[in-house]
Protein backbone atom coordinates (compact mmCIF):
# COMPACT_ATOMS: atom_id res chain seq x y z
CA MET A 1 -2.41 12.21 -1.72
CA LEU A 2 -3.79 9.21 -1.86
CA ALA A 3 -8.14 8.98 -2.04
CA VAL A 4 -9.97 5.42 -1.28
CA PRO A 5 -13.26 4.98 -1.72
CA SER A 6 -15.50 4.80 1.41
CA ARG A 7 -16.67 1.49 2.40
CA GLN A 8 -20.42 2.90 3.30
CA ALA A 9 -23.34 2.09 1.29
CA GLU A 10 -22.46 5.01 -1.29
CA TRP A 11 -18.87 4.22 -1.57
CA ARG A 12 -18.84 4.80 -5.27
CA THR A 13 -19.63 8.94 -4.64
CA THR A 14 -17.98 9.11 -1.04
CA VAL A 15 -14.02 9.54 -1.30
CA VAL A 16 -12.19 9.54 2.03
CA THR A 17 -8.49 10.62 2.06
CA LEU A 18 -5.88 9.30 4.22
CA ALA A 19 -4.98 12.46 5.67
CA ASN A 20 -8.65 12.22 7.30
CA ILE A 21 -7.67 8.65 8.83
CA THR A 22 -4.08 8.77 9.23
CA HIS A 23 -1.64 11.23 10.71
CA ARG A 24 1.84 11.68 12.09
CA ASP A 25 2.72 13.68 15.02
CA PRO A 26 6.19 14.28 16.72
CA ASP A 27 4.54 14.09 19.86
CA ILE A 28 2.63 11.08 19.58
CA LEU A 29 4.35 8.07 19.71
CA SER A 30 7.78 9.73 18.28
CA GLY A 31 5.94 10.42 14.80
CA SER A 32 4.62 7.17 14.49
CA LEU A 33 1.83 6.76 12.06
CA VAL A 34 -1.57 6.72 13.69
CA PHE A 35 -5.14 6.67 13.12
CA VAL A 36 -6.50 10.29 13.78
CA GLY A 37 -7.84 10.91 17.04
CA THR A 38 -6.15 7.87 18.81
CA ARG A 39 -2.78 7.13 19.67
CA VAL A 40 -3.21 3.54 17.78
CA PRO A 41 -0.27 2.82 15.58
CA VAL A 42 -1.41 1.95 12.23
CA ARG A 43 1.02 -0.77 11.99
CA SER A 44 -0.84 -2.02 15.01
CA LEU A 45 -3.44 -2.78 12.30
CA PHE A 46 -1.19 -5.00 9.68
CA ASP A 47 0.78 -6.76 12.99
CA TYR A 48 -2.89 -8.11 14.09
CA LEU A 49 -3.88 -9.12 10.80
CA GLU A 50 0.00 -10.89 10.18
CA GLY A 51 -0.37 -12.62 13.33
CA GLY A 52 -3.70 -13.93 12.53
CA GLU A 53 -6.15 -12.17 14.20
CA SER A 54 -9.54 -10.70 12.59
CA ILE A 55 -10.21 -7.09 12.05
CA ASP A 56 -12.79 -7.31 14.38
CA GLU A 57 -10.37 -8.71 17.23
CA PHE A 58 -8.42 -5.52 16.38
CA LEU A 59 -11.32 -3.27 16.41
CA HIS A 60 -12.42 -4.97 19.99
CA GLN A 61 -8.82 -4.09 21.38
CA PHE A 62 -8.81 -0.57 19.96
CA PRO A 63 -12.61 0.71 20.13
CA SER A 64 -11.06 3.96 19.30
CA VAL A 65 -10.82 3.09 15.58
CA SER A 66 -13.61 2.95 13.75
CA ARG A 67 -14.38 0.18 11.16
CA ASP A 68 -14.02 2.61 8.13
CA ALA A 69 -11.05 4.00 9.12
CA ALA A 70 -9.48 0.45 9.35
CA ILE A 71 -10.91 -0.67 6.14
CA ALA A 72 -9.82 2.36 4.50
CA VAL A 73 -5.92 2.15 5.10
CA LEU A 74 -6.25 -1.43 4.22
CA ASP A 75 -7.94 -0.29 0.95
CA ALA A 76 -5.03 2.43 0.28
CA ALA A 77 -2.53 -0.77 0.83
CA TYR A 78 -4.37 -2.58 -1.86
CA GLU A 79 -3.93 0.17 -4.28
CA ILE A 80 -0.82 0.65 -3.62
CA VAL A 81 0.17 -2.78 -4.03
CA ALA A 82 -2.36 -2.72 -6.86
CA ALA A 83 -0.71 -0.23 -8.80
CA ASP A 84 2.89 -1.45 -8.45
CA ALA A 85 1.95 -5.01 -9.77
CA ASN A 86 3.19 -6.20 -12.88
CA ILE A 87 0.58 -7.02 -15.71
CA ALA A 88 1.15 -10.39 -17.19
């Protein structure tokens, strides 16, 4: 399980696991990865950003997703990319 730092004021001491932020359930959107407590697919966040929308617009359209949850998912994606990057 990947743990990412929270973006709160104490982000260096607070750790959030993605298990508290995202989950899959076969009864919710056919098992798509969603934000916990919502029916909002995590993929939607990336689709909005890829389409040129801001994170604020995503959060406006999906108010059940917290800013902290969206940022934690983006941070986790960054950590995966960074861990896989070649060192020059």
